[in-house]
Amino acid sequence: MMVWRREVVAFLEAALECSVYVSPLDPGLTDREVLEVGLRAGLLEAELRDAISETSARRHSRTGRLMPESTGLWGEFSFQDQPDYRNIAAFDFVARELRAVVEAQGIWAARLDRAVIVERAVAKNIPRKDVEAAITIWLIDGHLRHEKGGIRFATGRDEYPLPSEQQRAAFPRRVTENTNRRRAFPLVKDVIERRSLGQPNEPLDASAYEK
């Protein structure tokens, strides 16, 4: 793939990532939305259409949207790109809630309803959107699984260090600038807010997170 095309694909992937921060219950972008975001960022329509056809992003069967893909590092906190729209306190809260259920019920039976986790987080003054984003990111990244009865850890993930522990252990921390994420976020936010204006924001079904 030519260098310029890789750069456009990287921007597209950043835009799809940002869709989770903006709308964690209803992520992804349609082709039209991708084109709008890209054109407003100064890219060419032909470049964007090529990037859509070449990205590894999945297309959700019901909505037709391109869905953000796991990077393998999205839910890790040993290093950090700026800007970082993840709320570490939200990730820590989700992990601690699920760990408590593991201790009480055992790893194979441990499940929590997503809404229960979110409402408990809100009661602790963690913003609703931040904890919804944490859950969605960890579902996409394979750290959590959505099964009948609620959310559970994927095999072995209950023993992972908390995000705050990962961050403290990473010294010296490597911080890099993610220009694509910085450029994409306000554009994606505007597109999604106009899309969802006056409409309820309900979670996608479990197939949205299937690999």
C-alpha atoms as a PDB file:
ATOM      1  CA  MET A   1       0.000   0.000   0.000  1.00  0.00           C
ATOM      2  CA  MET A   2       1.344   3.429  -0.895  1.00  0.00           C
ATOM      3  CA  VAL A   3       2.430   5.701   1.967  1.00  0.00           C
ATOM      4  CA  TRP A   4      -0.298   8.273   1.396  1.00  0.00           C
ATOM      5  CA  ARG A   5      -2.950   5.559   1.352  1.00  0.00           C
ATOM      6  CA  ARG A   6      -1.704   4.083   4.625  1.00  0.00           C
ATOM      7  CA  GLU A   7      -2.027   7.537   6.142  1.00  0.00           C
ATOM      8  CA  VAL A   8      -5.645   7.828   4.999  1.00  0.00           C
ATOM      9  CA  VAL A   9      -6.422   4.343   6.359  1.00  0.00           C
ATOM     10  CA  ALA A  10      -4.822   5.364   9.675  1.00  0.00           C
ATOM     11  CA  PHE A  11      -7.069   8.423   9.793  1.00  0.00           C
ATOM     12  CA  LEU A  12     -10.126   6.280   9.063  1.00  0.00           C
ATOM     13  CA  GLU A  13      -9.192   3.870  11.852  1.00  0.00           C
ATOM     14  CA  ALA A  14      -8.757   6.807  14.250  1.00  0.00           C
ATOM     15  CA  ALA A  15     -12.192   8.118  13.271  1.00  0.00           C
ATOM     16  CA  LEU A  16     -13.782   4.732  13.972  1.00  0.00           C
ATOM     17  CA  GLU A  17     -12.005   4.629  17.341  1.00  0.00           C
ATOM     18  CA  CYS A  18     -13.361   8.081  18.175  1.00  0.00           C
ATOM     19  CA  SER A  19     -16.888   6.894  17.429  1.00  0.00           C
ATOM     20  CA  VAL A  20     -16.650   4.788  20.608  1.00  0.00           C
ATOM     21  CA  TYR A  21     -15.702   7.755  22.772  1.00  0.00           C
ATOM     22  CA  VAL A  22     -18.545   9.810  21.325  1.00  0.00           C
ATOM     23  CA  SER A  23     -21.219   7.096  21.196  1.00  0.00           C
ATOM     24  CA  PRO A  24     -20.092   3.960  23.084  1.00  0.00           C
ATOM     25  CA  LEU A  25     -23.509   2.307  22.887  1.00  0.00           C
ATOM     26  CA  ASP A  26     -23.839   2.874  19.159  1.00  0.00           C
ATOM     27  CA  PRO A  27     -20.341   3.062  17.620  1.00  0.00           C
ATOM     28  CA  GLY A  28     -19.148   2.911  14.033  1.00  0.00           C
ATOM     29  CA  LEU A  29     -19.576   5.119  10.991  1.00  0.00           C
ATOM     30  CA  THR A  30     -21.476   4.721   7.741  1.00  0.00           C
ATOM     31  CA  ASP A  31     -19.657   5.268   4.455  1.00  0.00           C
ATOM     32  CA  ARG A  32     -21.382   8.636   4.135  1.00  0.00           C
ATOM     33  CA  GLU A  33     -20.223   9.651   7.592  1.00  0.00           C
ATOM     34  CA  VAL A  34     -16.669   8.525   6.855  1.00  0.00           C
ATOM     35  CA  LEU A  35     -16.687  10.637   3.701  1.00  0.00           C
ATOM     36  CA  GLU A  36     -18.039  13.662   5.570  1.00  0.00           C
ATOM     37  CA  VAL A  37     -15.429  13.382   8.328  1.00  0.00           C
ATOM     38  CA  GLY A  38     -12.609  12.820   5.854  1.00  0.00           C
ATOM     39  CA  LEU A  39     -13.587  15.627   3.505  1.00  0.00           C
ATOM     40  CA  ARG A  40     -13.824  18.044   6.413  1.00  0.00           C
ATOM     41  CA  ALA A  41     -10.328  16.928   7.449  1.00  0.00           C
ATOM     42  CA  GLY A  42      -9.025  17.913   4.019  1.00  0.00           C
ATOM     43  CA  LEU A  43      -8.815  14.472   2.412  1.00  0.00           C
ATOM     44  CA  LEU A  44     -10.027  13.647  -1.088  1.00  0.00           C
ATOM     45  CA  GLU A  45     -13.127  11.568  -1.782  1.00  0.00           C
ATOM     46  CA  ALA A  46     -11.204   9.101  -3.969  1.00  0.00           C
ATOM     47  CA  GLU A  47      -8.631   8.608  -1.189  1.00  0.00           C
ATOM     48  CA  LEU A  48     -11.371   7.982   1.334  1.00  0.00           C
ATOM     49  CA  ARG A  49     -13.234   5.496  -0.855  1.00  0.00           C
ATOM     50  CA  ASP A  50     -10.003   3.559  -1.393  1.00  0.00           C
ATOM     51  CA  ALA A  51      -9.359   3.590   2.351  1.00  0.00           C
ATOM     52  CA  ILE A  52     -12.858   2.260   3.055  1.00  0.00           C
ATOM     53  CA  SER A  53     -12.265  -0.648   0.683  1.00  0.00           C
ATOM     54  CA  GLU A  54      -8.805  -1.424   2.107  1.00  0.00           C
ATOM     55  CA  THR A  55      -9.362  -1.047   5.843  1.00  0.00           C
ATOM     56  CA  SER A  56      -9.642  -4.188   7.955  1.00  0.00           C
ATOM     57  CA  ALA A  57     -12.669  -2.742   9.768  1.00  0.00           C
ATOM     58  CA  ARG A  58     -15.724  -4.989   9.846  1.00  0.00           C
ATOM     59  CA  ARG A  59     -19.105  -3.882   8.590  1.00  0.00           C
ATOM     60  CA  HIS A  60     -21.949  -4.434  11.026  1.00  0.00           C
ATOM     61  CA  SER A  61     -24.612  -6.569   9.396  1.00  0.00           C
ATOM     62  CA  ARG A  62     -27.595  -4.628  10.771  1.00  0.00           C
ATOM     63  CA  THR A  63     -26.464  -1.017  10.599  1.00  0.00           C
ATOM     64  CA  GLY A  64     -24.065  -1.243   7.641  1.00  0.00           C
ATOM     65  CA  ARG A  65     -21.547   0.813   9.604  1.00  0.00           C
ATOM     66  CA  LEU A  66     -17.814   0.263   9.614  1.00  0.00           C
ATOM     67  CA  MET A  67     -16.956  -0.860  13.144  1.00  0.00           C
ATOM     68  CA  PRO A  68     -13.743  -0.130  15.067  1.00  0.00           C
ATOM     69  CA  GLU A  69     -11.366  -3.065  15.272  1.00  0.00           C
ATOM     70  CA  SER A  70      -9.171  -4.259  18.112  1.00  0.00           C
ATOM     71  CA  THR A  71      -5.594  -3.046  17.981  1.00  0.00           C
ATOM     72  CA  GLY A  72      -4.525  -5.427  20.729  1.00  0.00           C
ATOM     73  CA  LEU A  73      -3.412  -2.376  22.689  1.00  0.00           C
ATOM     74  CA  TRP A  74      -6.590  -0.304  22.906  1.00  0.00           C
ATOM     75  CA  GLY A  75      -7.386  -1.571  26.390  1.00  0.00           C
ATOM     76  CA  GLU A  76      -3.786  -1.500  27.614  1.00  0.00           C
ATOM     77  CA  PHE A  77      -2.305   1.380  29.612  1.00  0.00           C
ATOM     78  CA  SER A  78       1.436   0.786  29.680  1.00  0.00           C
ATOM     79  CA  PHE A  79       1.936   3.502  27.106  1.00  0.00           C
ATOM     80  CA  GLN A  80      -0.157   6.431  26.044  1.00  0.00           C
ATOM     81  CA  ASP A  81      -0.969   8.426  22.942  1.00  0.00           C
ATOM     82  CA  GLN A  82      -2.160  11.994  23.319  1.00  0.00           C
ATOM     83  CA  PRO A  83      -4.923  12.963  23.276  1.00  0.00           C
ATOM     84  CA  ASP A  84      -6.238  10.020  25.290  1.00  0.00           C
ATOM     85  CA  TYR A  85     -10.025   9.995  25.672  1.00  0.00           C
ATOM     86  CA  ARG A  86     -10.073   6.913  27.924  1.00  0.00           C
ATOM     87  CA  ASN A  87     -10.964   7.416  31.579  1.00  0.00           C
ATOM     88  CA  ILE A  88      -8.701   5.141  33.622  1.00  0.00           C
ATOM     89  CA  ALA A  89     -10.988   5.395  36.646  1.00  0.00           C
ATOM     90  CA  ALA A  90     -13.819   3.953  34.529  1.00  0.00           C
ATOM     91  CA  PHE A  91     -11.708   0.988  33.400  1.00  0.00           C
ATOM     92  CA  ASP A  92     -10.518   0.361  36.963  1.00  0.00           C
ATOM     93  CA  PHE A  93     -14.114   0.425  38.208  1.00  0.00           C
ATOM     94  CA  VAL A  94     -15.302  -2.134  35.638  1.00  0.00           C
ATOM     95  CA  ALA A  95     -12.413  -4.471  36.456  1.00  0.00           C
ATOM     96  CA  ARG A  96     -12.939  -4.204  40.213  1.00  0.00           C
ATOM     97  CA  GLU A  97     -16.677  -4.863  39.927  1.00  0.00           C
ATOM     98  CA  LEU A  98     -16.085  -7.984  37.864  1.00  0.00           C
ATOM     99  CA  ARG A  99     -13.262  -9.162  40.129  1.00  0.00           C
ATOM    100  CA  ALA A 100     -15.597  -8.951  43.112  1.00  0.00           C
ATOM    101  CA  VAL A 101     -18.090 -11.198  41.319  1.00  0.00           C
ATOM    102  CA  VAL A 102     -15.303 -13.637  40.381  1.00  0.00           C
ATOM    103  CA  GLU A 103     -14.293 -13.866  44.040  1.00  0.00           C
ATOM    104  CA  ALA A 104     -17.895 -14.463  45.102  1.00  0.00           C
ATOM    105  CA  GLN A 105     -19.050 -16.826  42.339  1.00  0.00           C
ATOM    106  CA  GLY A 106     -15.961 -18.196  40.605  1.00  0.00           C
ATOM    107  CA  ILE A 107     -14.620 -17.277  37.185  1.00  0.00           C
ATOM    108  CA  TRP A 108     -16.993 -19.426  35.130  1.00  0.00           C
ATOM    109  CA  ALA A 109     -20.183 -18.215  36.789  1.00  0.00           C
ATOM    110  CA  ALA A 110     -19.151 -14.587  37.200  1.00  0.00           C
ATOM    111  CA  ARG A 111     -21.394 -12.265  35.176  1.00  0.00           C
ATOM    112  CA  LEU A 112     -22.696  -8.751  35.678  1.00  0.00           C
ATOM    113  CA  ASP A 113     -25.381  -6.965  33.727  1.00  0.00           C
ATOM    114  CA  ARG A 114     -23.891  -4.064  31.818  1.00  0.00           C
ATOM    115  CA  ALA A 115     -26.508  -1.649  33.103  1.00  0.00           C
ATOM    116  CA  VAL A 116     -25.723  -2.637  36.687  1.00  0.00           C
ATOM    117  CA  ILE A 117     -22.019  -1.870  36.213  1.00  0.00           C
ATOM    118  CA  VAL A 118     -22.826   1.483  34.636  1.00  0.00           C
ATOM    119  CA  GLU A 119     -25.285   2.580  37.307  1.00  0.00           C
ATOM    120  CA  ARG A 120     -22.863   1.632  40.077  1.00  0.00           C
ATOM    121  CA  ALA A 121     -20.151   3.667  38.350  1.00  0.00           C
ATOM    122  CA  VAL A 122     -22.444   6.669  37.978  1.00  0.00           C
ATOM    123  CA  ALA A 123     -23.208   6.435  41.709  1.00  0.00           C
ATOM    124  CA  LYS A 124     -19.449   6.791  42.268  1.00  0.00           C
ATOM    125  CA  ASN A 125     -19.401   9.961  40.126  1.00  0.00           C
ATOM    126  CA  ILE A 126     -17.797   8.296  37.103  1.00  0.00           C
ATOM    127  CA  PRO A 127     -19.348   9.755  33.937  1.00  0.00           C
ATOM    128  CA  ARG A 128     -21.797   7.363  32.273  1.00  0.00           C
ATOM    129  CA  LYS A 129     -20.281   7.774  28.823  1.00  0.00           C
ATOM    130  CA  ASP A 130     -16.783   7.034  30.146  1.00  0.00           C
ATOM    131  CA  VAL A 131     -17.766   3.729  31.748  1.00  0.00           C
ATOM    132  CA  GLU A 132     -19.840   2.740  28.697  1.00  0.00           C
ATOM    133  CA  ALA A 133     -16.767   3.466  26.558  1.00  0.00           C
ATOM    134  CA  ALA A 134     -14.567   1.377  28.854  1.00  0.00           C
ATOM    135  CA  ILE A 135     -16.903  -1.605  28.539  1.00  0.00           C
ATOM    136  CA  THR A 136     -17.210  -1.261  24.757  1.00  0.00           C
ATOM    137  CA  ILE A 137     -13.441  -0.927  24.272  1.00  0.00           C
ATOM    138  CA  TRP A 138     -12.757  -3.989  26.381  1.00  0.00           C
ATOM    139  CA  LEU A 139     -15.420  -5.955  24.512  1.00  0.00           C
ATOM    140  CA  ILE A 140     -13.886  -5.008  21.161  1.00  0.00           C
ATOM    141  CA  ASP A 141     -10.370  -5.717  22.453  1.00  0.00           C
ATOM    142  CA  GLY A 142     -11.380  -9.155  23.748  1.00  0.00           C
ATOM    143  CA  HIS A 143     -10.695  -8.351  27.402  1.00  0.00           C
ATOM    144  CA  LEU A 144     -14.387  -8.857  28.199  1.00  0.00           C
ATOM    145  CA  ARG A 145     -17.050 -11.053  26.681  1.00  0.00           C
ATOM    146  CA  HIS A 146     -20.764 -10.398  26.307  1.00  0.00           C
ATOM    147  CA  GLU A 147     -22.677 -13.571  27.076  1.00  0.00           C
ATOM    148  CA  LYS A 148     -26.118 -14.551  28.275  1.00  0.00           C
ATOM    149  CA  GLY A 149     -26.426 -13.195  31.766  1.00  0.00           C
ATOM    150  CA  GLY A 150     -24.159 -10.208  31.261  1.00  0.00           C
ATOM    151  CA  ILE A 151     -20.525  -9.161  30.942  1.00  0.00           C
ATOM    152  CA  ARG A 152     -17.660 -11.416  32.005  1.00  0.00           C
ATOM    153  CA  PHE A 153     -13.886 -11.501  31.797  1.00  0.00           C
ATOM    154  CA  ALA A 154     -12.370 -13.366  28.865  1.00  0.00           C
ATOM    155  CA  THR A 155     -10.276 -16.354  29.937  1.00  0.00           C
ATOM    156  CA  GLY A 156      -7.337 -15.254  32.072  1.00  0.00           C
ATOM    157  CA  ARG A 157      -8.159 -11.547  31.912  1.00  0.00           C
ATOM    158  CA  ASP A 158      -9.341 -11.375  35.516  1.00  0.00           C
ATOM    159  CA  GLU A 159      -5.676 -11.623  36.549  1.00  0.00           C
ATOM    160  CA  TYR A 160      -4.515  -8.656  34.474  1.00  0.00           C
ATOM    161  CA  PRO A 161      -3.192  -5.643  36.407  1.00  0.00           C
ATOM    162  CA  LEU A 162      -5.636  -2.784  36.740  1.00  0.00           C
ATOM    163  CA  PRO A 163      -5.155   0.010  34.187  1.00  0.00           C
ATOM    164  CA  SER A 164      -3.950   2.341  36.963  1.00  0.00           C
ATOM    165  CA  GLU A 165      -1.410  -0.307  38.013  1.00  0.00           C
ATOM    166  CA  GLN A 166      -0.222  -0.681  34.420  1.00  0.00           C
ATOM    167  CA  GLN A 167       0.215   3.067  34.161  1.00  0.00           C
ATOM    168  CA  ARG A 168       2.196   3.309  37.409  1.00  0.00           C
ATOM    169  CA  ALA A 169       4.447   0.388  36.415  1.00  0.00           C
ATOM    170  CA  ALA A 170       5.308   1.929  33.028  1.00  0.00           C
ATOM    171  CA  PHE A 171       8.265   4.123  33.941  1.00  0.00           C
ATOM    172  CA  PRO A 172       9.507   6.032  32.137  1.00  0.00           C
ATOM    173  CA  ARG A 173       6.210   6.311  30.271  1.00  0.00           C
ATOM    174  CA  ARG A 174       6.321   6.604  26.521  1.00  0.00           C
ATOM    175  CA  VAL A 175       3.894   9.302  25.401  1.00  0.00           C
ATOM    176  CA  THR A 176       3.377   9.934  21.695  1.00  0.00           C
ATOM    177  CA  GLU A 177       1.204  12.360  19.762  1.00  0.00           C
ATOM    178  CA  ASN A 178      -1.680  10.831  17.828  1.00  0.00           C
ATOM    179  CA  THR A 179      -2.465  13.528  15.287  1.00  0.00           C
ATOM    180  CA  ASN A 180      -5.105  11.439  13.525  1.00  0.00           C
ATOM    181  CA  ARG A 181      -7.081  10.985  16.732  1.00  0.00           C
ATOM    182  CA  ARG A 182      -6.790  14.672  17.584  1.00  0.00           C
ATOM    183  CA  ARG A 183      -7.973  15.693  14.125  1.00  0.00           C
ATOM    184  CA  ALA A 184     -10.771  13.119  13.897  1.00  0.00           C
ATOM    185  CA  PHE A 185     -12.429  13.477  17.296  1.00  0.00           C
ATOM    186  CA  PRO A 186     -14.240  16.829  16.915  1.00  0.00           C
ATOM    187  CA  LEU A 187     -15.382  15.908  13.397  1.00  0.00           C
ATOM    188  CA  VAL A 188     -16.720  12.522  14.477  1.00  0.00           C
ATOM    189  CA  LYS A 189     -18.398  14.110  17.493  1.00  0.00           C
ATOM    190  CA  ASP A 190     -20.231  16.590  15.273  1.00  0.00           C
ATOM    191  CA  VAL A 191     -21.332  13.936  12.768  1.00  0.00           C
ATOM    192  CA  ILE A 192     -22.618  11.517  15.407  1.00  0.00           C
ATOM    193  CA  GLU A 193     -24.382  14.187  17.451  1.00  0.00           C
ATOM    194  CA  ARG A 194     -26.274  15.282  14.363  1.00  0.00           C
ATOM    195  CA  ARG A 195     -27.052  11.672  13.496  1.00  0.00           C
ATOM    196  CA  SER A 196     -28.482  10.853  16.894  1.00  0.00           C
ATOM    197  CA  LEU A 197     -30.285  14.129  17.523  1.00  0.00           C
ATOM    198  CA  GLY A 198     -33.642  13.328  19.044  1.00  0.00           C
ATOM    199  CA  GLN A 199     -33.162   9.569  18.855  1.00  0.00           C
ATOM    200  CA  PRO A 200     -32.703   7.133  21.774  1.00  0.00           C
ATOM    201  CA  ASN A 201     -29.209   5.689  22.126  1.00  0.00           C
ATOM    202  CA  GLU A 202     -29.693   1.963  22.758  1.00  0.00           C
ATOM    203  CA  PRO A 203     -26.841  -0.570  22.869  1.00  0.00           C
ATOM    204  CA  LEU A 204     -26.139  -2.593  19.755  1.00  0.00           C
ATOM    205  CA  ASP A 205     -26.738  -6.312  20.097  1.00  0.00           C
ATOM    206  CA  ALA A 206     -23.873  -8.649  21.013  1.00  0.00           C
ATOM    207  CA  SER A 207     -23.008  -9.273  17.339  1.00  0.00           C
ATOM    208  CA  ALA A 208     -21.530  -5.769  17.211  1.00  0.00           C
ATOM    209  CA  TYR A 209     -18.604  -7.040  19.260  1.00  0.00           C
ATOM    210  CA  GLU A 210     -18.095 -10.463  17.684  1.00  0.00           C
ATOM    211  CA  LYS A 211     -14.815 -11.110  15.927  1.00  0.00           C
END
